[in-house]
Amino acid sequence: MAKHRVKFTFPQELISEPIIYNLGLRFKVVTNIRRADVGPDRGWVELELEGRREDIEKGLQWVG
């Protein structure tokens, strides 16, 4: 199992979307929120991803 840390930033229109949930569900990646800050007009999250390296890479391409 591989681990990878990333930081996502979200514009206002994506704050309420379940992006992290969908990332874990679609790509069989365990998501662990390490830090986050969400406001009414923007947000960011430091996320630890764990799973097969191929699944993590596919998931990051999907988010990107």
N, C-alpha and C. Protein backbone atom coordinates (compact mmCIF):
# COMPACT_ATOMS: atom_id res chain seq x y z
N MET A 1 0.83 -1.18 0.00
CA MET A 1 0.00 0.00 0.00
C MET A 1 0.88 1.25 0.00
N ALA A 2 0.51 2.16 -0.84
CA ALA A 2 1.24 3.43 -0.93
C ALA A 2 0.48 4.51 -0.17
N LYS A 3 1.22 5.52 0.27
CA LYS A 3 0.62 6.70 0.90
C LYS A 3 1.11 7.93 0.16
N HIS A 4 0.23 8.91 0.06
CA HIS A 4 0.57 10.14 -0.64
C HIS A 4 -0.19 11.29 0.02
N ARG A 5 0.50 12.39 0.27
CA ARG A 5 -0.16 13.58 0.83
C ARG A 5 -0.34 14.63 -0.25
N VAL A 6 -1.51 15.25 -0.26
CA VAL A 6 -1.81 16.29 -1.24
C VAL A 6 -2.54 17.43 -0.54
N LYS A 7 -2.55 18.58 -1.19
CA LYS A 7 -3.33 19.71 -0.71
C LYS A 7 -4.26 20.13 -1.84
N PHE A 8 -5.54 20.13 -1.56
CA PHE A 8 -6.55 20.58 -2.53
C PHE A 8 -7.06 21.94 -2.09
N THR A 9 -7.32 22.79 -3.06
CA THR A 9 -8.02 24.04 -2.79
C THR A 9 -9.32 24.02 -3.59
N PHE A 10 -10.36 24.57 -3.00
CA PHE A 10 -11.68 24.53 -3.60
C PHE A 10 -12.24 25.93 -3.77
N PRO A 11 -12.71 26.26 -4.97
CA PRO A 11 -13.42 27.53 -5.16
C PRO A 11 -14.83 27.41 -4.58
N GLN A 12 -15.48 28.52 -4.47
CA GLN A 12 -16.80 28.59 -3.84
C GLN A 12 -17.79 27.58 -4.42
N GLU A 13 -17.81 27.41 -5.73
CA GLU A 13 -18.81 26.53 -6.35
C GLU A 13 -18.58 25.04 -6.08
N LEU A 14 -17.40 24.66 -5.56
CA LEU A 14 -17.14 23.24 -5.29
C LEU A 14 -17.12 22.90 -3.80
N ILE A 15 -17.27 23.88 -2.93
CA ILE A 15 -17.17 23.63 -1.49
C ILE A 15 -18.19 22.61 -1.01
N SER A 16 -19.39 22.65 -1.52
CA SER A 16 -20.43 21.73 -1.03
C SER A 16 -20.47 20.40 -1.78
N GLU A 17 -19.58 20.20 -2.74
CA GLU A 17 -19.55 18.94 -3.50
C GLU A 17 -18.78 17.87 -2.73
N PRO A 18 -19.20 16.59 -2.79
CA PRO A 18 -18.53 15.51 -2.05
C PRO A 18 -17.30 14.96 -2.79
N ILE A 19 -16.37 15.80 -3.10
CA ILE A 19 -15.21 15.40 -3.92
C ILE A 19 -14.35 14.36 -3.20
N ILE A 20 -14.06 14.57 -1.93
CA ILE A 20 -13.21 13.63 -1.19
C ILE A 20 -13.91 12.29 -1.04
N TYR A 21 -15.18 12.30 -0.74
CA TYR A 21 -15.96 11.06 -0.63
C TYR A 21 -15.93 10.31 -1.96
N ASN A 22 -16.21 11.01 -3.06
CA ASN A 22 -16.22 10.37 -4.38
C ASN A 22 -14.85 9.84 -4.77
N LEU A 23 -13.79 10.55 -4.41
CA LEU A 23 -12.43 10.09 -4.69
C LEU A 23 -12.19 8.73 -4.04
N GLY A 24 -12.55 8.61 -2.77
CA GLY A 24 -12.36 7.34 -2.07
C GLY A 24 -13.23 6.23 -2.63
N LEU A 25 -14.47 6.56 -2.95
CA LEU A 25 -15.42 5.56 -3.45
C LEU A 25 -15.05 5.07 -4.85
N ARG A 26 -14.78 5.99 -5.75
CA ARG A 26 -14.52 5.62 -7.15
C ARG A 26 -13.20 4.91 -7.36
N PHE A 27 -12.19 5.28 -6.56
CA PHE A 27 -10.84 4.77 -6.83
C PHE A 27 -10.31 3.86 -5.72
N LYS A 28 -11.17 3.46 -4.79
CA LYS A 28 -10.78 2.54 -3.71
C LYS A 28 -9.55 3.04 -2.98
N VAL A 29 -9.57 4.33 -2.64
CA VAL A 29 -8.48 4.96 -1.93
C VAL A 29 -9.00 5.39 -0.56
N VAL A 30 -8.23 5.12 0.48
CA VAL A 30 -8.60 5.57 1.82
C VAL A 30 -8.16 7.02 1.95
N THR A 31 -9.10 7.88 2.33
CA THR A 31 -8.81 9.30 2.49
C THR A 31 -8.77 9.65 3.97
N ASN A 32 -7.76 10.43 4.36
CA ASN A 32 -7.61 10.85 5.74
C ASN A 32 -7.34 12.35 5.74
N ILE A 33 -8.29 13.13 6.23
CA ILE A 33 -8.12 14.58 6.27
C ILE A 33 -7.19 14.91 7.43
N ARG A 34 -6.05 15.52 7.12
CA ARG A 34 -5.06 15.87 8.13
C ARG A 34 -5.26 17.29 8.66
N ARG A 35 -5.62 18.21 7.77
CA ARG A 35 -5.92 19.59 8.14
C ARG A 35 -6.88 20.14 7.11
N ALA A 36 -7.68 21.12 7.51
CA ALA A 36 -8.61 21.73 6.56
C ALA A 36 -9.08 23.08 7.08
N ASP A 37 -9.48 23.91 6.14
CA ASP A 37 -10.10 25.19 6.46
C ASP A 37 -11.10 25.49 5.35
N VAL A 38 -12.36 25.62 5.73
CA VAL A 38 -13.41 25.87 4.75
C VAL A 38 -14.18 27.11 5.18
N GLY A 39 -14.29 28.05 4.27
CA GLY A 39 -15.06 29.26 4.52
C GLY A 39 -16.18 29.37 3.50
N PRO A 40 -16.94 30.44 3.53
CA PRO A 40 -18.07 30.57 2.61
C PRO A 40 -17.66 30.76 1.15
N ASP A 41 -16.44 31.24 0.89
CA ASP A 41 -16.06 31.52 -0.50
C ASP A 41 -14.86 30.71 -1.00
N ARG A 42 -14.22 29.93 -0.14
CA ARG A 42 -13.12 29.08 -0.58
C ARG A 42 -12.78 28.09 0.52
N GLY A 43 -11.98 27.09 0.17
CA GLY A 43 -11.56 26.10 1.17
C GLY A 43 -10.33 25.37 0.72
N TRP A 44 -9.64 24.76 1.67
CA TRP A 44 -8.49 23.91 1.34
C TRP A 44 -8.48 22.72 2.30
N VAL A 45 -7.82 21.67 1.88
CA VAL A 45 -7.70 20.48 2.71
C VAL A 45 -6.35 19.82 2.42
N GLU A 46 -5.66 19.40 3.48
CA GLU A 46 -4.49 18.54 3.35
C GLU A 46 -4.98 17.12 3.57
N LEU A 47 -4.75 16.30 2.59
CA LEU A 47 -5.34 14.98 2.55
C LEU A 47 -4.26 13.93 2.40
N GLU A 48 -4.38 12.86 3.17
CA GLU A 48 -3.50 11.72 3.02
C GLU A 48 -4.28 10.63 2.29
N LEU A 49 -3.72 10.13 1.22
CA LEU A 49 -4.35 9.07 0.44
C LEU A 49 -3.57 7.78 0.63
N GLU A 50 -4.29 6.68 0.81
CA GLU A 50 -3.63 5.39 0.98
C GLU A 50 -4.33 4.37 0.09
N GLY A 51 -3.53 3.60 -0.63
CA GLY A 51 -4.07 2.59 -1.51
C GLY A 51 -3.01 2.14 -2.50
N ARG A 52 -3.45 1.47 -3.52
CA ARG A 52 -2.51 1.08 -4.58
C ARG A 52 -2.05 2.33 -5.31
N ARG A 53 -0.79 2.38 -5.64
CA ARG A 53 -0.23 3.56 -6.32
C ARG A 53 -1.01 3.90 -7.59
N GLU A 54 -1.40 2.89 -8.35
CA GLU A 54 -2.15 3.12 -9.59
C GLU A 54 -3.50 3.79 -9.30
N ASP A 55 -4.16 3.36 -8.23
CA ASP A 55 -5.46 3.92 -7.87
C ASP A 55 -5.31 5.38 -7.40
N ILE A 56 -4.27 5.65 -6.63
CA ILE A 56 -4.02 7.02 -6.18
C ILE A 56 -3.77 7.93 -7.38
N GLU A 57 -2.95 7.47 -8.31
CA GLU A 57 -2.64 8.28 -9.50
C GLU A 57 -3.89 8.53 -10.34
N LYS A 58 -4.71 7.52 -10.54
CA LYS A 58 -5.95 7.70 -11.30
C LYS A 58 -6.89 8.67 -10.59
N GLY A 59 -6.97 8.56 -9.27
CA GLY A 59 -7.81 9.45 -8.50
C GLY A 59 -7.35 10.90 -8.60
N LEU A 60 -6.05 11.11 -8.52
CA LEU A 60 -5.52 12.47 -8.63
C LEU A 60 -5.75 13.05 -10.02
N GLN A 61 -5.66 12.22 -11.05
CA GLN A 61 -5.97 12.70 -12.40
C GLN A 61 -7.44 13.10 -12.50
N TRP A 62 -8.32 12.33 -11.87
CA TRP A 62 -9.75 12.64 -11.88
C TRP A 62 -10.02 13.98 -11.19
N VAL A 63 -9.37 14.24 -10.07
CA VAL A 63 -9.57 15.49 -9.34
C VAL A 63 -9.00 16.66 -10.12
N GLY A 64 -7.82 16.45 -10.71
CA GLY A 64 -7.09 17.52 -11.38
C GLY A 64 -7.76 18.07 -12.54
